PDB file of N, CA and C in Angstrom:
ATOM      1  N   MET A   1    -164.078 -68.267  56.214  1.00  0.00           N
ATOM      2  CA  MET A   1    -165.184 -69.034  56.730  1.00  0.00           C
ATOM      3  C   MET A   1    -166.432 -68.155  56.634  1.00  0.00           C
ATOM      4  N   ASP A   2    -167.510 -68.759  56.166  1.00  0.00           N
ATOM      5  CA  ASP A   2    -168.750 -68.010  55.993  1.00  0.00           C
ATOM      6  C   ASP A   2    -169.712 -68.161  57.166  1.00  0.00           C
ATOM      7  N   LYS A   3    -169.679 -69.340  57.798  1.00  0.00           N
ATOM      8  CA  LYS A   3    -170.591 -69.585  58.913  1.00  0.00           C
ATOM      9  C   LYS A   3    -169.861 -70.349  60.005  1.00  0.00           C
ATOM     10  N   ALA A   4    -170.272 -70.108  61.237  1.00  0.00           N
ATOM     11  CA  ALA A   4    -169.683 -70.818  62.375  1.00  0.00           C
ATOM     12  C   ALA A   4    -170.720 -70.919  63.491  1.00  0.00           C
ATOM     13  N   ALA A   5    -171.795 -71.623  63.208  1.00  0.00           N
ATOM     14  CA  ALA A   5    -172.885 -71.757  64.183  1.00  0.00           C
ATOM     15  C   ALA A   5    -172.414 -72.531  65.416  1.00  0.00           C
ATOM     16  N   PHE A   6    -172.764 -72.030  66.582  1.00  0.00           N
ATOM     17  CA  PHE A   6    -172.409 -72.634  67.866  1.00  0.00           C
ATOM     18  C   PHE A   6    -173.662 -73.272  68.446  1.00  0.00           C
ATOM     19  N   GLU A   7    -173.600 -74.558  68.778  1.00  0.00           N
ATOM     20  CA  GLU A   7    -174.752 -75.273  69.335  1.00  0.00           C
ATOM     21  C   GLU A   7    -174.408 -75.865  70.691  1.00  0.00           C
ATOM     22  N   THR A   8    -175.430 -76.068  71.505  1.00  0.00           N
ATOM     23  CA  THR A   8    -175.257 -76.698  72.808  1.00  0.00           C
ATOM     24  C   THR A   8    -176.292 -77.800  72.968  1.00  0.00           C
ATOM     25  N   SER A   9    -175.843 -78.959  73.436  1.00  0.00           N
ATOM     26  CA  SER A   9    -176.745 -80.073  73.741  1.00  0.00           C
ATOM     27  C   SER A   9    -176.691 -80.334  75.239  1.00  0.00           C
ATOM     28  N   ARG A  10    -177.812 -80.727  75.768  1.00  0.00           N
ATOM     29  CA  ARG A  10    -177.873 -81.075  77.183  1.00  0.00           C
ATOM     30  C   ARG A  10    -178.568 -82.420  77.315  1.00  0.00           C
ATOM     31  N   MET A  11    -177.882 -83.371  77.936  1.00  0.00           N
ATOM     32  CA  MET A  11    -178.496 -84.678  78.173  1.00  0.00           C
ATOM     33  C   MET A  11    -179.421 -84.557  79.378  1.00  0.00           C
ATOM     34  N   VAL A  12    -180.598 -85.125  79.236  1.00  0.00           N
ATOM     35  CA  VAL A  12    -181.602 -85.003  80.287  1.00  0.00           C
ATOM     36  C   VAL A  12    -182.129 -86.392  80.644  1.00  0.00           C
ATOM     37  N   ASP A  13    -182.222 -86.651  81.926  1.00  0.00           N
ATOM     38  CA  ASP A  13    -182.863 -87.859  82.432  1.00  0.00           C
ATOM     39  C   ASP A  13    -184.277 -87.424  82.793  1.00  0.00           C
ATOM     40  N   SER A  14    -185.264 -87.906  82.043  1.00  0.00           N
ATOM     41  CA  SER A  14    -186.622 -87.432  82.290  1.00  0.00           C
ATOM     42  C   SER A  14    -187.631 -88.569  82.214  1.00  0.00           C
ATOM     43  N   ALA A  15    -188.778 -88.320  82.803  1.00  0.00           N
ATOM     44  CA  ALA A  15    -189.906 -89.253  82.786  1.00  0.00           C
ATOM     45  C   ALA A  15    -191.155 -88.453  83.128  1.00  0.00           C
ATOM     46  N   ARG A  16    -192.286 -89.086  83.080  1.00  0.00           N
ATOM     47  CA  ARG A  16    -193.539 -88.427  83.482  1.00  0.00           C
ATOM     48  C   ARG A  16    -193.971 -88.990  84.839  1.00  0.00           C
ATOM     49  N   ASN A  17    -194.471 -88.098  85.675  1.00  0.00           N
ATOM     50  CA  ASN A  17    -194.956 -88.536  86.989  1.00  0.00           C
ATOM     51  C   ASN A  17    -196.405 -89.016  86.876  1.00  0.00           C
ATOM     52  N   ALA A  18    -197.024 -89.329  87.992  1.00  0.00           N
ATOM     53  CA  ALA A  18    -198.392 -89.857  88.008  1.00  0.00           C
ATOM     54  C   ALA A  18    -199.402 -88.862  87.432  1.00  0.00           C
ATOM     55  N   ASN A  19    -199.066 -87.578  87.431  1.00  0.00           N
ATOM     56  CA  ASN A  19    -199.956 -86.553  86.875  1.00  0.00           C
ATOM     57  C   ASN A  19    -199.688 -86.312  85.383  1.00  0.00           C
ATOM     58  N   GLY A  20    -198.746 -87.058  84.799  1.00  0.00           N
ATOM     59  CA  GLY A  20    -198.423 -86.879  83.383  1.00  0.00           C
ATOM     60  C   GLY A  20    -197.502 -85.711  83.109  1.00  0.00           C
ATOM     61  N   GLU A  21    -196.923 -85.137  84.162  1.00  0.00           N
ATOM     62  CA  GLU A  21    -196.005 -84.007  84.003  1.00  0.00           C
ATOM     63  C   GLU A  21    -194.583 -84.526  83.793  1.00  0.00           C
ATOM     64  N   VAL A  22    -193.841 -83.828  82.950  1.00  0.00           N
ATOM     65  CA  VAL A  22    -192.455 -84.215  82.729  1.00  0.00           C
ATOM     66  C   VAL A  22    -191.619 -83.777  83.922  1.00  0.00           C
ATOM     67  N   VAL A  23    -190.880 -84.724  84.471  1.00  0.00           N
ATOM     68  CA  VAL A  23    -189.963 -84.462  85.566  1.00  0.00           C
ATOM     69  C   VAL A  23    -188.584 -84.865  85.056  1.00  0.00           C
ATOM     70  N   GLY A  24    -187.646 -83.947  85.121  1.00  0.00           N
ATOM     71  CA  GLY A  24    -186.326 -84.278  84.602  1.00  0.00           C
ATOM     72  C   GLY A  24    -185.238 -83.433  85.208  1.00  0.00           C
ATOM     73  N   ARG A  25    -184.014 -83.848  84.916  1.00  0.00           N
ATOM     74  CA  ARG A  25    -182.861 -83.081  85.359  1.00  0.00           C
ATOM     75  C   ARG A  25    -181.743 -83.292  84.348  1.00  0.00           C
ATOM     76  N   GLN A  26    -180.879 -82.319  84.261  1.00  0.00           N
ATOM     77  CA  GLN A  26    -179.739 -82.425  83.354  1.00  0.00           C
ATOM     78  C   GLN A  26    -178.746 -83.428  83.904  1.00  0.00           C
ATOM     79  N   VAL A  27    -178.207 -84.261  83.014  1.00  0.00           N
ATOM     80  CA  VAL A  27    -177.201 -85.253  83.386  1.00  0.00           C
ATOM     81  C   VAL A  27    -175.862 -84.778  82.842  1.00  0.00           C
ATOM     82  N   GLY A  28    -174.895 -84.640  83.692  1.00  0.00           N
ATOM     83  CA  GLY A  28    -173.582 -84.172  83.248  1.00  0.00           C
ATOM     84  C   GLY A  28    -173.599 -82.692  82.901  1.00  0.00           C
ATOM     85  N   ARG A  29    -172.652 -82.294  82.078  1.00  0.00           N
ATOM     86  CA  ARG A  29    -172.559 -80.886  81.705  1.00  0.00           C
ATOM     87  C   ARG A  29    -173.019 -80.689  80.267  1.00  0.00           C
ATOM     88  N   SER A  30    -173.211 -79.453  79.886  1.00  0.00           N
ATOM     89  CA  SER A  30    -173.566 -79.125  78.515  1.00  0.00           C
ATOM     90  C   SER A  30    -172.429 -79.510  77.575  1.00  0.00           C
ATOM     91  N   VAL A  31    -172.781 -79.925  76.362  1.00  0.00           N
ATOM     92  CA  VAL A  31    -171.819 -80.325  75.348  1.00  0.00           C
ATOM     93  C   VAL A  31    -171.971 -79.384  74.157  1.00  0.00           C
ATOM     94  N   HIS A  32    -170.828 -78.919  73.614  1.00  0.00           N
ATOM     95  CA  HIS A  32    -170.860 -77.923  72.553  1.00  0.00           C
ATOM     96  C   HIS A  32    -170.499 -78.501  71.195  1.00  0.00           C
ATOM     97  N   LYS A  33    -171.040 -77.881  70.158  1.00  0.00           N
ATOM     98  CA  LYS A  33    -170.731 -78.273  68.786  1.00  0.00           C
ATOM     99  C   LYS A  33    -170.546 -76.996  67.973  1.00  0.00           C
ATOM    100  N   GLN A  34    -169.478 -76.974  67.180  1.00  0.00           N
ATOM    101  CA  GLN A  34    -169.200 -75.838  66.306  1.00  0.00           C
ATOM    102  C   GLN A  34    -169.361 -76.319  64.866  1.00  0.00           C
ATOM    103  N   ASN A  35    -170.266 -75.664  64.128  1.00  0.00           N
ATOM    104  CA  ASN A  35    -170.504 -75.982  62.728  1.00  0.00           C
ATOM    105  C   ASN A  35    -169.771 -74.955  61.875  1.00  0.00           C
ATOM    106  N   LEU A  36    -168.831 -75.416  61.052  1.00  0.00           N
ATOM    107  CA  LEU A  36    -168.010 -74.525  60.241  1.00  0.00           C
ATOM    108  C   LEU A  36    -168.363 -74.725  58.771  1.00  0.00           C
ATOM    109  N   ALA A  37    -168.574 -73.621  58.026  1.00  0.00           N
ATOM    110  CA  ALA A  37    -169.002 -73.745  56.636  1.00  0.00           C
ATOM    111  C   ALA A  37    -168.402 -72.642  55.772  1.00  0.00           C
ATOM    112  N   TRP A  38    -168.081 -73.025  54.543  1.00  0.00           N
ATOM    113  CA  TRP A  38    -167.535 -72.107  53.548  1.00  0.00           C
ATOM    114  C   TRP A  38    -168.380 -72.226  52.285  1.00  0.00           C
ATOM    115  N   SER A  39    -168.783 -71.112  51.693  1.00  0.00           N
ATOM    116  CA  SER A  39    -169.565 -71.172  50.453  1.00  0.00           C
ATOM    117  C   SER A  39    -168.692 -71.638  49.294  1.00  0.00           C
ATOM    118  N   LYS A  40    -167.396 -71.297  49.325  1.00  0.00           N
ATOM    119  CA  LYS A  40    -166.460 -71.741  48.290  1.00  0.00           C
ATOM    120  C   LYS A  40    -165.136 -72.067  48.974  1.00  0.00           C
ATOM    121  N   MET A  41    -164.562 -73.244  48.622  1.00  0.00           N
ATOM    122  CA  MET A  41    -163.334 -73.692  49.267  1.00  0.00           C
ATOM    123  C   MET A  41    -162.359 -74.193  48.208  1.00  0.00           C
ATOM    124  N   ASP A  42    -161.121 -73.742  48.294  1.00  0.00           N
ATOM    125  CA  ASP A  42    -160.063 -74.226  47.423  1.00  0.00           C
ATOM    126  C   ASP A  42    -159.889 -75.728  47.637  1.00  0.00           C
ATOM    127  N   LYS A  43    -159.748 -76.492  46.564  1.00  0.00           N
ATOM    128  CA  LYS A  43    -159.661 -77.951  46.693  1.00  0.00           C
ATOM    129  C   LYS A  43    -158.452 -78.398  47.508  1.00  0.00           C
ATOM    130  N   GLU A  44    -157.309 -77.736  47.333  1.00  0.00           N
ATOM    131  CA  GLU A  44    -156.104 -78.120  48.084  1.00  0.00           C
ATOM    132  C   GLU A  44    -156.281 -77.891  49.580  1.00  0.00           C
ATOM    133  N   LYS A  45    -156.906 -76.780  49.947  1.00  0.00           N
ATOM    134  CA  LYS A  45    -157.158 -76.485  51.369  1.00  0.00           C
ATOM    135  C   LYS A  45    -158.123 -77.507  51.959  1.00  0.00           C
ATOM    136  N   TRP A  46    -159.165 -77.873  51.212  1.00  0.00           N
ATOM    137  CA  TRP A  46    -160.139 -78.869  51.671  1.00  0.00           C
ATOM    138  C   TRP A  46    -159.454 -80.216  51.908  1.00  0.00           C
ATOM    139  N   TRP A  47    -158.612 -80.618  50.960  1.00  0.00           N
ATOM    140  CA  TRP A  47    -157.903 -81.886  51.096  1.00  0.00           C
ATOM    141  C   TRP A  47    -156.930 -81.841  52.275  1.00  0.00           C
ATOM    142  N   GLU A  48    -156.256 -80.713  52.448  1.00  0.00           N
ATOM    143  CA  GLU A  48    -155.314 -80.562  53.564  1.00  0.00           C
ATOM    144  C   GLU A  48    -156.025 -80.720  54.910  1.00  0.00           C
ATOM    145  N   MET A  49    -157.168 -80.064  55.077  1.00  0.00           N
ATOM    146  CA  MET A  49    -157.913 -80.159  56.339  1.00  0.00           C
ATOM    147  C   MET A  49    -158.371 -81.594  56.597  1.00  0.00           C
ATOM    148  N   ASN A  50    -158.893 -82.242  55.577  1.00  0.00           N
ATOM    149  CA  ASN A  50    -159.386 -83.607  55.753  1.00  0.00           C
ATOM    150  C   ASN A  50    -158.260 -84.598  56.004  1.00  0.00           C
ATOM    151  N   ARG A  51    -157.109 -84.388  55.378  1.00  0.00           N
ATOM    152  CA  ARG A  51    -155.947 -85.251  55.647  1.00  0.00           C
ATOM    153  C   ARG A  51    -155.507 -85.121  57.099  1.00  0.00           C
ATOM    154  N   TRP A  52    -155.518 -83.895  57.629  1.00  0.00           N
ATOM    155  CA  TRP A  52    -155.107 -83.663  59.012  1.00  0.00           C
ATOM    156  C   TRP A  52    -155.977 -84.485  59.964  1.00  0.00           C
ATOM    157  N   PHE A  53    -157.300 -84.443  59.766  1.00  0.00           N
ATOM    158  CA  PHE A  53    -158.200 -85.227  60.624  1.00  0.00           C
ATOM    159  C   PHE A  53    -157.958 -86.724  60.435  1.00  0.00           C
ATOM    160  N   ASP A  54    -157.780 -87.146  59.199  1.00  0.00           N
ATOM    161  CA  ASP A  54    -157.619 -88.567  58.905  1.00  0.00           C
ATOM    162  C   ASP A  54    -156.269 -89.117  59.354  1.00  0.00           C
ATOM    163  N   ASP A  55    -155.260 -88.262  59.475  1.00  0.00           N
ATOM    164  CA  ASP A  55    -153.911 -88.680  59.874  1.00  0.00           C
ATOM    165  C   ASP A  55    -153.725 -88.691  61.396  1.00  0.00           C
ATOM    166  N   GLY A  56    -154.758 -89.081  62.120  1.00  0.00           N
ATOM    167  CA  GLY A  56    -154.605 -89.263  63.553  1.00  0.00           C
ATOM    168  C   GLY A  56    -155.064 -88.108  64.422  1.00  0.00           C
ATOM    169  N   HIS A  57    -155.781 -87.150  63.852  1.00  0.00           N
ATOM    170  CA  HIS A  57    -156.274 -86.022  64.643  1.00  0.00           C
ATOM    171  C   HIS A  57    -157.800 -86.029  64.722  1.00  0.00           C
ATOM    172  N   PHE A  58    -158.383 -87.223  64.773  1.00  0.00           N
ATOM    173  CA  PHE A  58    -159.836 -87.326  64.871  1.00  0.00           C
ATOM    174  C   PHE A  58    -160.327 -86.624  66.136  1.00  0.00           C
ATOM    175  N   THR A  59    -159.582 -86.776  67.224  1.00  0.00           N
ATOM    176  CA  THR A  59    -159.855 -86.001  68.438  1.00  0.00           C
ATOM    177  C   THR A  59    -158.700 -85.030  68.639  1.00  0.00           C
ATOM    178  N   PHE A  60    -159.010 -83.869  69.200  1.00  0.00           N
ATOM    179  CA  PHE A  60    -158.006 -82.827  69.379  1.00  0.00           C
ATOM    180  C   PHE A  60    -158.522 -81.835  70.423  1.00  0.00           C
ATOM    181  N   TYR A  61    -157.582 -81.159  71.073  1.00  0.00           N
ATOM    182  CA  TYR A  61    -157.975 -80.121  72.014  1.00  0.00           C
ATOM    183  C   TYR A  61    -158.192 -78.824  71.251  1.00  0.00           C
ATOM    184  N   CYS A  62    -159.268 -78.163  71.580  1.00  0.00           N
ATOM    185  CA  CYS A  62    -159.647 -76.917  70.903  1.00  0.00           C
ATOM    186  C   CYS A  62    -159.835 -75.819  71.944  1.00  0.00           C
ATOM    187  N   HIS A  63    -159.206 -74.693  71.702  1.00  0.00           N
ATOM    188  CA  HIS A  63    -159.397 -73.501  72.541  1.00  0.00           C
ATOM    189  C   HIS A  63    -160.416 -72.631  71.813  1.00  0.00           C
ATOM    190  N   TYR A  64    -161.573 -72.452  72.397  1.00  0.00           N
ATOM    191  CA  TYR A  64    -162.681 -71.790  71.704  1.00  0.00           C
ATOM    192  C   TYR A  64    -163.417 -70.836  72.645  1.00  0.00           C
ATOM    193  N   PHE A  65    -164.165 -69.929  72.035  1.00  0.00           N
ATOM    194  CA  PHE A  65    -164.976 -68.995  72.808  1.00  0.00           C
ATOM    195  C   PHE A  65    -166.335 -69.619  73.039  1.00  0.00           C
ATOM    196  N   ASN A  66    -166.702 -69.787  74.320  1.00  0.00           N
ATOM    197  CA  ASN A  66    -167.998 -70.346  74.678  1.00  0.00           C
ATOM    198  C   ASN A  66    -169.017 -69.213  74.648  1.00  0.00           C
ATOM    199  N   HIS A  67    -169.887 -69.233  73.649  1.00  0.00           N
ATOM    200  CA  HIS A  67    -170.864 -68.154  73.468  1.00  0.00           C
ATOM    201  C   HIS A  67    -171.992 -68.188  74.494  1.00  0.00           C
ATOM    202  N   ASN A  68    -172.133 -69.281  75.219  1.00  0.00           N
ATOM    203  CA  ASN A  68    -173.148 -69.345  76.270  1.00  0.00           C
ATOM    204  C   ASN A  68    -172.715 -68.611  77.536  1.00  0.00           C
ATOM    205  N   PHE A  69    -171.406 -68.634  77.816  1.00  0.00           N
ATOM    206  CA  PHE A  69    -170.905 -68.080  79.069  1.00  0.00           C
ATOM    207  C   PHE A  69    -170.002 -66.874  78.885  1.00  0.00           C
ATOM    208  N   GLY A  70    -169.650 -66.547  77.631  1.00  0.00           N
ATOM    209  CA  GLY A  70    -168.815 -65.377  77.369  1.00  0.00           C
ATOM    210  C   GLY A  70    -167.383 -65.534  77.855  1.00  0.00           C
ATOM    211  N   ARG A  71    -166.814 -66.735  77.663  1.00  0.00           N
ATOM    212  CA  ARG A  71    -165.429 -66.957  78.102  1.00  0.00           C
ATOM    213  C   ARG A  71    -164.747 -67.983  77.199  1.00  0.00           C
ATOM    214  N   TRP A  72    -163.421 -67.953  77.223  1.00  0.00           N
ATOM    215  CA  TRP A  72    -162.627 -68.909  76.471  1.00  0.00           C
ATOM    216  C   TRP A  72    -162.490 -70.194  77.273  1.00  0.00           C
ATOM    217  N   GLU A  73    -162.553 -71.353  76.591  1.00  0.00           N
ATOM    218  CA  GLU A  73    -162.406 -72.659  77.218  1.00  0.00           C
ATOM    219  C   GLU A  73    -161.551 -73.547  76.319  1.00  0.00           C
ATOM    220  N   THR A  74    -160.987 -74.587  76.905  1.00  0.00           N
ATOM    221  CA  THR A  74    -160.256 -75.591  76.145  1.00  0.00           C
ATOM    222  C   THR A  74    -160.865 -76.942  76.471  1.00  0.00           C
ATOM    223  N   ARG A  75    -161.283 -77.657  75.429  1.00  0.00           N
ATOM    224  CA  ARG A  75    -161.918 -78.958  75.620  1.00  0.00           C
ATOM    225  C   ARG A  75    -161.473 -79.910  74.519  1.00  0.00           C
ATOM    226  N   LEU A  76    -161.657 -81.194  74.766  1.00  0.00           N
ATOM    227  CA  LEU A  76    -161.392 -82.220  73.770  1.00  0.00           C
ATOM    228  C   LEU A  76    -162.595 -82.299  72.826  1.00  0.00           C
ATOM    229  N   PHE A  77    -162.324 -82.234  71.522  1.00  0.00           N
ATOM    230  CA  PHE A  77    -163.372 -82.303  70.493  1.00  0.00           C
ATOM    231  C   PHE A  77    -163.080 -83.459  69.550  1.00  0.00           C
ATOM    232  N   TYR A  78    -164.084 -83.863  68.785  1.00  0.00           N
ATOM    233  CA  TYR A  78    -163.896 -84.837  67.709  1.00  0.00           C
ATOM    234  C   TYR A  78    -164.586 -84.337  66.453  1.00  0.00           C
ATOM    235  N   LEU A  79    -164.143 -84.854  65.316  1.00  0.00           N
ATOM    236  CA  LEU A  79    -164.702 -84.469  64.033  1.00  0.00           C
ATOM    237  C   LEU A  79    -166.047 -85.150  63.839  1.00  0.00           C
ATOM    238  N   GLY A  80    -167.045 -84.361  63.449  1.00  0.00           N
ATOM    239  CA  GLY A  80    -168.380 -84.898  63.180  1.00  0.00           C
ATOM    240  C   GLY A  80    -168.612 -85.038  61.683  1.00  0.00           C
ATOM    241  N   ASP A  81    -169.726 -84.534  61.221  1.00  0.00           N
ATOM    242  CA  ASP A  81    -170.122 -84.661  59.810  1.00  0.00           C
ATOM    243  C   ASP A  81    -169.287 -83.765  58.905  1.00  0.00           C
ATOM    244  N   VAL A  82    -168.884 -84.323  57.763  1.00  0.00           N
ATOM    245  CA  VAL A  82    -168.107 -83.601  56.754  1.00  0.00           C
ATOM    246  C   VAL A  82    -168.878 -83.701  55.443  1.00  0.00           C
ATOM    247  N   LYS A  83    -169.083 -82.555  54.773  1.00  0.00           N
ATOM    248  CA  LYS A  83    -169.766 -82.617  53.477  1.00  0.00           C
ATOM    249  C   LYS A  83    -169.347 -81.450  52.591  1.00  0.00           C
ATOM    250  N   THR A  84    -169.429 -81.694  51.284  1.00  0.00           N
ATOM    251  CA  THR A  84    -169.085 -80.664  50.315  1.00  0.00           C
ATOM    252  C   THR A  84    -169.646 -81.033  48.951  1.00  0.00           C
ATOM    253  N   ASN A  85    -169.662 -80.064  48.049  1.00  0.00           N
ATOM    254  CA  ASN A  85    -170.141 -80.266  46.685  1.00  0.00           C
ATOM    255  C   ASN A  85    -169.026 -79.952  45.702  1.00  0.00           C
ATOM    256  N   PRO A  86    -168.493 -80.966  45.005  1.00  0.00           N
ATOM    257  CA  PRO A  86    -167.466 -80.710  43.996  1.00  0.00           C
ATOM    258  C   PRO A  86    -168.049 -79.860  42.863  1.00  0.00           C
ATOM    259  N   TYR A  87    -167.259 -78.915  42.357  1.00  0.00           N
ATOM    260  CA  TYR A  87    -167.736 -78.022  41.302  1.00  0.00           C
ATOM    261  C   TYR A  87    -166.765 -78.036  40.130  1.00  0.00           C
ATOM    262  N   LEU A  88    -167.299 -78.099  38.917  1.00  0.00           N
ATOM    263  CA  LEU A  88    -166.519 -78.156  37.673  1.00  0.00           C
ATOM    264  C   LEU A  88    -165.508 -79.300  37.718  1.00  0.00           C
ATOM    265  N   VAL A  89    -166.027 -80.508  37.798  1.00  0.00           N
ATOM    266  CA  VAL A  89    -165.188 -81.704  37.891  1.00  0.00           C
ATOM    267  C   VAL A  89    -164.584 -82.029  36.520  1.00  0.00           C
ATOM    268  N   ASP A  90    -163.272 -82.215  36.510  1.00  0.00           N
ATOM    269  CA  ASP A  90    -162.567 -82.598  35.280  1.00  0.00           C
ATOM    270  C   ASP A  90    -162.923 -84.050  34.959  1.00  0.00           C
ATOM    271  N   PRO A  91    -163.462 -84.332  33.771  1.00  0.00           N
ATOM    272  CA  PRO A  91    -163.891 -85.690  33.450  1.00  0.00           C
ATOM    273  C   PRO A  91    -162.732 -86.696  33.355  1.00  0.00           C
ATOM    274  N   VAL A  92    -161.522 -86.220  33.137  1.00  0.00           N
ATOM    275  CA  VAL A  92    -160.375 -87.116  33.018  1.00  0.00           C
ATOM    276  C   VAL A  92    -159.754 -87.411  34.378  1.00  0.00           C
ATOM    277  N   SER A  93    -159.420 -86.356  35.125  1.00  0.00           N
ATOM    278  CA  SER A  93    -158.738 -86.545  36.417  1.00  0.00           C
ATOM    279  C   SER A  93    -159.700 -86.826  37.570  1.00  0.00           C
ATOM    280  N   GLY A  94    -160.959 -86.397  37.422  1.00  0.00           N
ATOM    281  CA  GLY A  94    -161.933 -86.548  38.508  1.00  0.00           C
ATOM    282  C   GLY A  94    -161.841 -85.447  39.545  1.00  0.00           C
ATOM    283  N   GLU A  95    -160.879 -84.532  39.374  1.00  0.00           N
ATOM    284  CA  GLU A  95    -160.691 -83.436  40.341  1.00  0.00           C
ATOM    285  C   GLU A  95    -161.621 -82.270  40.027  1.00  0.00           C
ATOM    286  N   PRO A  96    -162.186 -81.680  41.078  1.00  0.00           N
ATOM    287  CA  PRO A  96    -163.000 -80.488  40.867  1.00  0.00           C
ATOM    288  C   PRO A  96    -162.104 -79.251  40.766  1.00  0.00           C
ATOM    289  N   ALA A  97    -162.649 -78.189  40.210  1.00  0.00           N
ATOM    290  CA  ALA A  97    -161.922 -76.915  40.191  1.00  0.00           C
ATOM    291  C   ALA A  97    -161.844 -76.369  41.619  1.00  0.00           C
ATOM    292  N   TYR A  98    -162.920 -76.547  42.382  1.00  0.00           N
ATOM    293  CA  TYR A  98    -163.000 -76.165  43.790  1.00  0.00           C
ATOM    294  C   TYR A  98    -164.264 -76.785  44.367  1.00  0.00           C
ATOM    295  N   TYR A  99    -164.538 -76.522  45.636  1.00  0.00           N
ATOM    296  CA  TYR A  99    -165.720 -77.069  46.289  1.00  0.00           C
ATOM    297  C   TYR A  99    -166.671 -75.948  46.684  1.00  0.00           C
ATOM    298  N   LEU A 100    -167.962 -76.254  46.626  1.00  0.00           N
ATOM    299  CA  LEU A 100    -169.002 -75.330  47.063  1.00  0.00           C
ATOM    300  C   LEU A 100    -169.662 -75.895  48.317  1.00  0.00           C
ATOM    301  N   ASN A 101    -170.087 -75.012  49.193  1.00  0.00           N
ATOM    302  CA  ASN A 101    -170.801 -75.398  50.414  1.00  0.00           C
ATOM    303  C   ASN A 101    -170.072 -76.479  51.204  1.00  0.00           C
ATOM    304  N   ALA A 102    -168.790 -76.263  51.413  1.00  0.00           N
ATOM    305  CA  ALA A 102    -167.969 -77.182  52.193  1.00  0.00           C
ATOM    306  C   ALA A 102    -168.228 -76.942  53.681  1.00  0.00           C
ATOM    307  N   SER A 103    -168.411 -78.017  54.420  1.00  0.00           N
ATOM    308  CA  SER A 103    -168.679 -77.836  55.847  1.00  0.00           C
ATOM    309  C   SER A 103    -168.275 -79.066  56.648  1.00  0.00           C
ATOM    310  N   PHE A 104    -168.029 -78.838  57.915  1.00  0.00           N
ATOM    311  CA  PHE A 104    -167.846 -79.914  58.875  1.00  0.00           C
ATOM    312  C   PHE A 104    -168.177 -79.363  60.248  1.00  0.00           C
ATOM    313  N   ASN A 105    -168.385 -80.267  61.196  1.00  0.00           N
ATOM    314  CA  ASN A 105    -168.592 -79.811  62.562  1.00  0.00           C
ATOM    315  C   ASN A 105    -167.649 -80.556  63.489  1.00  0.00           C
ATOM    316  N   VAL A 106    -167.335 -79.901  64.572  1.00  0.00           N
ATOM    317  CA  VAL A 106    -166.509 -80.490  65.622  1.00  0.00           C
ATOM    318  C   VAL A 106    -167.350 -80.487  66.895  1.00  0.00           C
ATOM    319  N   ILE A 107    -167.269 -81.608  67.629  1.00  0.00           N
ATOM    320  CA  ILE A 107    -168.174 -81.824  68.751  1.00  0.00           C
ATOM    321  C   ILE A 107    -167.370 -82.095  70.017  1.00  0.00           C
ATOM    322  N   ASP A 108    -167.765 -81.438  71.063  1.00  0.00           N
ATOM    323  CA  ASP A 108    -167.185 -81.574  72.396  1.00  0.00           C
ATOM    324  C   ASP A 108    -167.320 -83.020  72.860  1.00  0.00           C
ATOM    325  N   CYS A 109    -166.228 -83.653  73.277  1.00  0.00           N
ATOM    326  CA  CYS A 109    -166.234 -85.043  73.738  1.00  0.00           C
ATOM    327  C   CYS A 109    -166.853 -85.199  75.133  1.00  0.00           C
ATOM    328  N   GLY A 110    -167.033 -84.099  75.827  1.00  0.00           N
ATOM    329  CA  GLY A 110    -167.565 -84.181  77.184  1.00  0.00           C
ATOM    330  C   GLY A 110    -166.487 -84.303  78.232  1.00  0.00           C
ATOM    331  N   VAL A 111    -165.223 -84.284  77.798  1.00  0.00           N
ATOM    332  CA  VAL A 111    -164.075 -84.385  78.707  1.00  0.00           C
ATOM    333  C   VAL A 111    -163.621 -82.976  79.066  1.00  0.00           C
ATOM    334  N   VAL A 112    -163.379 -82.736  80.328  1.00  0.00           N
ATOM    335  CA  VAL A 112    -162.903 -81.403  80.741  1.00  0.00           C
ATOM    336  C   VAL A 112    -161.389 -81.386  80.675  1.00  0.00           C
TER     337      VAL A 112
END
C-alpha cells in the first residue's frame, strides 16, 4: 500500500444568530474514513478484493488505529469509492496487465 490517508468528519448543527455569528454544536460523534491507495496493483489481487466486498461484505467490522486519539478501535465500516486505471489492456481478452493508481476508501458507519 502506498497511501493510507485518515480523515475525520464531524456533523454540525449550526445557524447564524441575530448578530450574524455562526452558532453550532457537534451532532453525534466523529466519523472516520480511511483512504487506501496503491500506485501499482496486481490484477488478480484487485479482483479478489472487489469480489470480497461484492460477495456480501459491503459492511464489515474493522479494527484500526485512530490517529486522532492514539488508540486502537473497532467499528462498523462500509465500502466507499473504488477507482483504478487499467494498464496495458489486451485488445482480445479485455484484461489489463495490471492496474495503476488503484484506490478505495472505507467509511465509519457511525455505529459503536
